[in-house]
Amino acid sequence: MYQTAPFVPTEVHVGTVDDENGALLVLTVRTTEGLFDIALDGEAADAIVKAIGTIRSKMEPGT
């Protein structure tokens, strides 16, 4: 399925920064390969929450 091994998260940190359009959430994930930073607005954060919900439902027994 993967051509390379996926990054394995070892830490997750959350912060915020302000820009000309308002506040952005900064999600920092430390992986086995290094740091991965993502800046999210409200719409992107909602999409991440929805994606995580989908992932979690697939991880539950019997689904």
PDB file of N, CA and C in Angstrom:
ATOM      1  N   MET A   1       0.817  -1.178   0.000  1.00  0.00           N
ATOM      2  CA  MET A   1       0.000   0.000   0.000  1.00  0.00           C
ATOM      3  C   MET A   1       0.874   1.261   0.000  1.00  0.00           C
ATOM      4  N   TYR A   2       1.846   1.353   0.886  1.00  0.00           N
ATOM      5  CA  TYR A   2       2.739   2.506   0.948  1.00  0.00           C
ATOM      6  C   TYR A   2       4.019   2.205   0.189  1.00  0.00           C
ATOM      7  N   GLN A   3       4.519   3.195  -0.540  1.00  0.00           N
ATOM      8  CA  GLN A   3       5.807   3.027  -1.196  1.00  0.00           C
ATOM      9  C   GLN A   3       6.948   3.271  -0.219  1.00  0.00           C
ATOM     10  N   THR A   4       6.695   4.091   0.805  1.00  0.00           N
ATOM     11  CA  THR A   4       7.644   4.302   1.893  1.00  0.00           C
ATOM     12  C   THR A   4       6.887   4.136   3.196  1.00  0.00           C
ATOM     13  N   ALA A   5       7.593   3.872   4.262  1.00  0.00           N
ATOM     14  CA  ALA A   5       6.945   3.718   5.560  1.00  0.00           C
ATOM     15  C   ALA A   5       6.346   5.046   6.001  1.00  0.00           C
ATOM     16  N   PRO A   6       5.148   5.032   6.605  1.00  0.00           N
ATOM     17  CA  PRO A   6       4.562   6.278   7.089  1.00  0.00           C
ATOM     18  C   PRO A   6       5.345   6.814   8.287  1.00  0.00           C
ATOM     19  N   PHE A   7       5.272   8.128   8.475  1.00  0.00           N
ATOM     20  CA  PHE A   7       5.893   8.730   9.655  1.00  0.00           C
ATOM     21  C   PHE A   7       5.164   8.258  10.900  1.00  0.00           C
ATOM     22  N   VAL A   8       5.897   7.973  11.966  1.00  0.00           N
ATOM     23  CA  VAL A   8       5.307   7.535  13.224  1.00  0.00           C
ATOM     24  C   VAL A   8       5.362   8.703  14.204  1.00  0.00           C
ATOM     25  N   PRO A   9       4.197   9.234  14.623  1.00  0.00           N
ATOM     26  CA  PRO A   9       4.209  10.357  15.556  1.00  0.00           C
ATOM     27  C   PRO A   9       4.710   9.931  16.934  1.00  0.00           C
ATOM     28  N   THR A  10       5.556  10.773  17.515  1.00  0.00           N
ATOM     29  CA  THR A  10       6.044  10.504  18.865  1.00  0.00           C
ATOM     30  C   THR A  10       5.629  11.596  19.848  1.00  0.00           C
ATOM     31  N   GLU A  11       5.284  12.788  19.353  1.00  0.00           N
ATOM     32  CA  GLU A  11       4.796  13.903  20.167  1.00  0.00           C
ATOM     33  C   GLU A  11       3.889  14.766  19.306  1.00  0.00           C
ATOM     34  N   VAL A  12       2.911  15.409  19.958  1.00  0.00           N
ATOM     35  CA  VAL A  12       2.047  16.362  19.271  1.00  0.00           C
ATOM     36  C   VAL A  12       1.940  17.603  20.142  1.00  0.00           C
ATOM     37  N   HIS A  13       2.132  18.774  19.540  1.00  0.00           N
ATOM     38  CA  HIS A  13       2.008  20.045  20.248  1.00  0.00           C
ATOM     39  C   HIS A  13       1.072  20.949  19.455  1.00  0.00           C
ATOM     40  N   VAL A  14       0.360  21.823  20.161  1.00  0.00           N
ATOM     41  CA  VAL A  14      -0.572  22.750  19.531  1.00  0.00           C
ATOM     42  C   VAL A  14      -0.246  24.158  19.991  1.00  0.00           C
ATOM     43  N   GLY A  15      -0.244  25.085  19.066  1.00  0.00           N
ATOM     44  CA  GLY A  15      -0.034  26.491  19.382  1.00  0.00           C
ATOM     45  C   GLY A  15      -0.856  27.339  18.440  1.00  0.00           C
ATOM     46  N   THR A  16      -0.776  28.642  18.588  1.00  0.00           N
ATOM     47  CA  THR A  16      -1.476  29.548  17.688  1.00  0.00           C
ATOM     48  C   THR A  16      -0.534  30.664  17.248  1.00  0.00           C
ATOM     49  N   VAL A  17      -0.788  31.186  16.087  1.00  0.00           N
ATOM     50  CA  VAL A  17      -0.098  32.369  15.577  1.00  0.00           C
ATOM     51  C   VAL A  17      -1.162  33.266  14.959  1.00  0.00           C
ATOM     52  N   ASP A  18      -0.895  34.550  14.948  1.00  0.00           N
ATOM     53  CA  ASP A  18      -1.809  35.501  14.318  1.00  0.00           C
ATOM     54  C   ASP A  18      -1.207  35.986  13.013  1.00  0.00           C
ATOM     55  N   ASP A  19      -2.049  36.103  11.999  1.00  0.00           N
ATOM     56  CA  ASP A  19      -1.626  36.732  10.757  1.00  0.00           C
ATOM     57  C   ASP A  19      -2.663  37.780  10.387  1.00  0.00           C
ATOM     58  N   GLU A  20      -2.580  38.334   9.205  1.00  0.00           N
ATOM     59  CA  GLU A  20      -3.495  39.403   8.806  1.00  0.00           C
ATOM     60  C   GLU A  20      -4.945  38.943   8.717  1.00  0.00           C
ATOM     61  N   ASN A  21      -5.177  37.635   8.641  1.00  0.00           N
ATOM     62  CA  ASN A  21      -6.535  37.094   8.553  1.00  0.00           C
ATOM     63  C   ASN A  21      -7.068  36.579   9.877  1.00  0.00           C
ATOM     64  N   GLY A  22      -6.284  36.685  10.948  1.00  0.00           N
ATOM     65  CA  GLY A  22      -6.712  36.201  12.256  1.00  0.00           C
ATOM     66  C   GLY A  22      -5.795  35.112  12.774  1.00  0.00           C
ATOM     67  N   ALA A  23      -6.312  34.377  13.736  1.00  0.00           N
ATOM     68  CA  ALA A  23      -5.509  33.338  14.381  1.00  0.00           C
ATOM     69  C   ALA A  23      -5.488  32.063  13.545  1.00  0.00           C
ATOM     70  N   LEU A  24      -4.338  31.415  13.559  1.00  0.00           N
ATOM     71  CA  LEU A  24      -4.175  30.102  12.948  1.00  0.00           C
ATOM     72  C   LEU A  24      -3.704  29.135  14.021  1.00  0.00           C
ATOM     73  N   LEU A  25      -4.189  27.927  13.957  1.00  0.00           N
ATOM     74  CA  LEU A  25      -3.712  26.865  14.816  1.00  0.00           C
ATOM     75  C   LEU A  25      -2.465  26.286  14.175  1.00  0.00           C
ATOM     76  N   VAL A  26      -1.435  26.073  14.963  1.00  0.00           N
ATOM     77  CA  VAL A  26      -0.234  25.406  14.457  1.00  0.00           C
ATOM     78  C   VAL A  26      -0.129  24.059  15.156  1.00  0.00           C
ATOM     79  N   LEU A  27      -0.213  23.010  14.380  1.00  0.00           N
ATOM     80  CA  LEU A  27      -0.099  21.647  14.874  1.00  0.00           C
ATOM     81  C   LEU A  27       1.306  21.176  14.546  1.00  0.00           C
ATOM     82  N   THR A  28       2.077  20.852  15.572  1.00  0.00           N
ATOM     83  CA  THR A  28       3.437  20.361  15.381  1.00  0.00           C
ATOM     84  C   THR A  28       3.480  18.903  15.803  1.00  0.00           C
ATOM     85  N   VAL A  29       3.897  18.058  14.887  1.00  0.00           N
ATOM     86  CA  VAL A  29       3.997  16.632  15.165  1.00  0.00           C
ATOM     87  C   VAL A  29       5.463  16.240  15.044  1.00  0.00           C
ATOM     88  N   ARG A  30       6.007  15.714  16.122  1.00  0.00           N
ATOM     89  CA  ARG A  30       7.361  15.149  16.057  1.00  0.00           C
ATOM     90  C   ARG A  30       7.203  13.704  15.630  1.00  0.00           C
ATOM     91  N   THR A  31       7.951  13.332  14.604  1.00  0.00           N
ATOM     92  CA  THR A  31       7.886  11.967  14.099  1.00  0.00           C
ATOM     93  C   THR A  31       9.266  11.324  14.226  1.00  0.00           C
ATOM     94  N   THR A  32       9.332  10.085  13.856  1.00  0.00           N
ATOM     95  CA  THR A  32      10.610   9.378  13.855  1.00  0.00           C
ATOM     96  C   THR A  32      11.572   9.984  12.840  1.00  0.00           C
ATOM     97  N   GLU A  33      11.056  10.818  11.918  1.00  0.00           N
ATOM     98  CA  GLU A  33      11.881  11.436  10.887  1.00  0.00           C
ATOM     99  C   GLU A  33      12.147  12.918  11.134  1.00  0.00           C
ATOM    100  N   GLY A  34      11.528  13.517  12.148  1.00  0.00           N
ATOM    101  CA  GLY A  34      11.721  14.938  12.422  1.00  0.00           C
ATOM    102  C   GLY A  34      10.395  15.638  12.696  1.00  0.00           C
ATOM    103  N   LEU A  35      10.432  16.986  12.707  1.00  0.00           N
ATOM    104  CA  LEU A  35       9.245  17.780  12.979  1.00  0.00           C
ATOM    105  C   LEU A  35       8.426  18.017  11.719  1.00  0.00           C
ATOM    106  N   PHE A  36       7.124  18.066  11.912  1.00  0.00           N
ATOM    107  CA  PHE A  36       6.188  18.323  10.832  1.00  0.00           C
ATOM    108  C   PHE A  36       5.206  19.365  11.340  1.00  0.00           C
ATOM    109  N   ASP A  37       5.225  20.586  10.812  1.00  0.00           N
ATOM    110  CA  ASP A  37       4.342  21.673  11.237  1.00  0.00           C
ATOM    111  C   ASP A  37       3.249  21.893  10.203  1.00  0.00           C
ATOM    112  N   ILE A  38       2.023  22.098  10.716  1.00  0.00           N
ATOM    113  CA  ILE A  38       0.887  22.399   9.848  1.00  0.00           C
ATOM    114  C   ILE A  38       0.165  23.602  10.439  1.00  0.00           C
ATOM    115  N   ALA A  39      -0.087  24.631   9.632  1.00  0.00           N
ATOM    116  CA  ALA A  39      -0.902  25.765  10.051  1.00  0.00           C
ATOM    117  C   ALA A  39      -2.321  25.527   9.549  1.00  0.00           C
ATOM    118  N   LEU A  40      -3.288  25.657  10.446  1.00  0.00           N
ATOM    119  CA  LEU A  40      -4.678  25.361  10.111  1.00  0.00           C
ATOM    120  C   LEU A  40      -5.582  26.543  10.423  1.00  0.00           C
ATOM    121  N   ASP A  41      -6.500  26.848   9.507  1.00  0.00           N
ATOM    122  CA  ASP A  41      -7.567  27.781   9.828  1.00  0.00           C
ATOM    123  C   ASP A  41      -8.743  26.952  10.348  1.00  0.00           C
ATOM    124  N   GLY A  42      -9.844  27.592  10.655  1.00  0.00           N
ATOM    125  CA  GLY A  42     -10.993  26.876  11.213  1.00  0.00           C
ATOM    126  C   GLY A  42     -11.528  25.785  10.304  1.00  0.00           C
ATOM    127  N   GLU A  43     -11.600  26.078   9.013  1.00  0.00           N
ATOM    128  CA  GLU A  43     -12.118  25.098   8.057  1.00  0.00           C
ATOM    129  C   GLU A  43     -11.207  23.872   7.964  1.00  0.00           C
ATOM    130  N   ALA A  44      -9.893  24.099   7.931  1.00  0.00           N
ATOM    131  CA  ALA A  44      -8.945  22.987   7.868  1.00  0.00           C
ATOM    132  C   ALA A  44      -8.973  22.185   9.168  1.00  0.00           C
ATOM    133  N   ALA A  45      -9.100  22.870  10.300  1.00  0.00           N
ATOM    134  CA  ALA A  45      -9.171  22.165  11.589  1.00  0.00           C
ATOM    135  C   ALA A  45     -10.411  21.274  11.639  1.00  0.00           C
ATOM    136  N   ASP A  46     -11.550  21.774  11.140  1.00  0.00           N
ATOM    137  CA  ASP A  46     -12.768  20.965  11.095  1.00  0.00           C
ATOM    138  C   ASP A  46     -12.576  19.720  10.223  1.00  0.00           C
ATOM    139  N   ALA A  47     -11.887  19.878   9.095  1.00  0.00           N
ATOM    140  CA  ALA A  47     -11.628  18.736   8.207  1.00  0.00           C
ATOM    141  C   ALA A  47     -10.745  17.698   8.889  1.00  0.00           C
ATOM    142  N   ILE A  48      -9.741  18.157   9.659  1.00  0.00           N
ATOM    143  CA  ILE A  48      -8.862  17.231  10.398  1.00  0.00           C
ATOM    144  C   ILE A  48      -9.672  16.468  11.446  1.00  0.00           C
ATOM    145  N   VAL A  49     -10.541  17.182  12.177  1.00  0.00           N
ATOM    146  CA  VAL A  49     -11.375  16.525  13.191  1.00  0.00           C
ATOM    147  C   VAL A  49     -12.258  15.468  12.542  1.00  0.00           C
ATOM    148  N   LYS A  50     -12.850  15.785  11.398  1.00  0.00           N
ATOM    149  CA  LYS A  50     -13.701  14.822  10.691  1.00  0.00           C
ATOM    150  C   LYS A  50     -12.885  13.606  10.244  1.00  0.00           C
ATOM    151  N   ALA A  51     -11.687  13.851   9.722  1.00  0.00           N
ATOM    152  CA  ALA A  51     -10.828  12.751   9.279  1.00  0.00           C
ATOM    153  C   ALA A  51     -10.436  11.852  10.441  1.00  0.00           C
ATOM    154  N   ILE A  52     -10.113  12.448  11.579  1.00  0.00           N
ATOM    155  CA  ILE A  52      -9.745  11.655  12.755  1.00  0.00           C
ATOM    156  C   ILE A  52     -10.933  10.819  13.221  1.00  0.00           C
ATOM    157  N   GLY A  53     -12.140  11.391  13.166  1.00  0.00           N
ATOM    158  CA  GLY A  53     -13.334  10.625  13.514  1.00  0.00           C
ATOM    159  C   GLY A  53     -13.506   9.412  12.620  1.00  0.00           C
ATOM    160  N   THR A  54     -13.251   9.579  11.334  1.00  0.00           N
ATOM    161  CA  THR A  54     -13.341   8.468  10.387  1.00  0.00           C
ATOM    162  C   THR A  54     -12.297   7.405  10.705  1.00  0.00           C
ATOM    163  N   ILE A  55     -11.079   7.847  10.978  1.00  0.00           N
ATOM    164  CA  ILE A  55     -10.000   6.908  11.311  1.00  0.00           C
ATOM    165  C   ILE A  55     -10.351   6.137  12.580  1.00  0.00           C
ATOM    166  N   ARG A  56     -10.802   6.853  13.613  1.00  0.00           N
ATOM    167  CA  ARG A  56     -11.129   6.187  14.884  1.00  0.00           C
ATOM    168  C   ARG A  56     -12.244   5.171  14.706  1.00  0.00           C
ATOM    169  N   SER A  57     -13.247   5.485  13.890  1.00  0.00           N
ATOM    170  CA  SER A  57     -14.350   4.537  13.696  1.00  0.00           C
ATOM    171  C   SER A  57     -13.861   3.264  13.018  1.00  0.00           C
ATOM    172  N   LYS A  58     -12.860   3.365  12.178  1.00  0.00           N
ATOM    173  CA  LYS A  58     -12.304   2.181  11.508  1.00  0.00           C
ATOM    174  C   LYS A  58     -11.419   1.361  12.440  1.00  0.00           C
ATOM    175  N   MET A  59     -10.960   1.974  13.539  1.00  0.00           N
ATOM    176  CA  MET A  59     -10.096   1.272  14.484  1.00  0.00           C
ATOM    177  C   MET A  59     -10.890   0.542  15.563  1.00  0.00           C
ATOM    178  N   GLU A  60     -12.189   0.852  15.684  1.00  0.00           N
ATOM    179  CA  GLU A  60     -13.004   0.227  16.713  1.00  0.00           C
ATOM    180  C   GLU A  60     -13.294  -1.219  16.341  1.00  0.00           C
ATOM    181  N   PRO A  61     -13.281  -2.106  17.336  1.00  0.00           N
ATOM    182  CA  PRO A  61     -13.562  -3.521  17.053  1.00  0.00           C
ATOM    183  C   PRO A  61     -14.952  -3.708  16.448  1.00  0.00           C
ATOM    184  N   GLY A  62     -15.043  -4.610  15.513  1.00  0.00           N
ATOM    185  CA  GLY A  62     -16.332  -4.947  14.923  1.00  0.00           C
ATOM    186  C   GLY A  62     -16.780  -4.021  13.812  1.00  0.00           C
ATOM    187  N   THR A  63     -15.889  -3.120  13.364  1.00  0.00           N
ATOM    188  CA  THR A  63     -16.315  -2.229  12.275  1.00  0.00           C
ATOM    189  C   THR A  63     -15.632  -2.592  10.989  1.00  0.00           C
TER     190      THR A  63
END
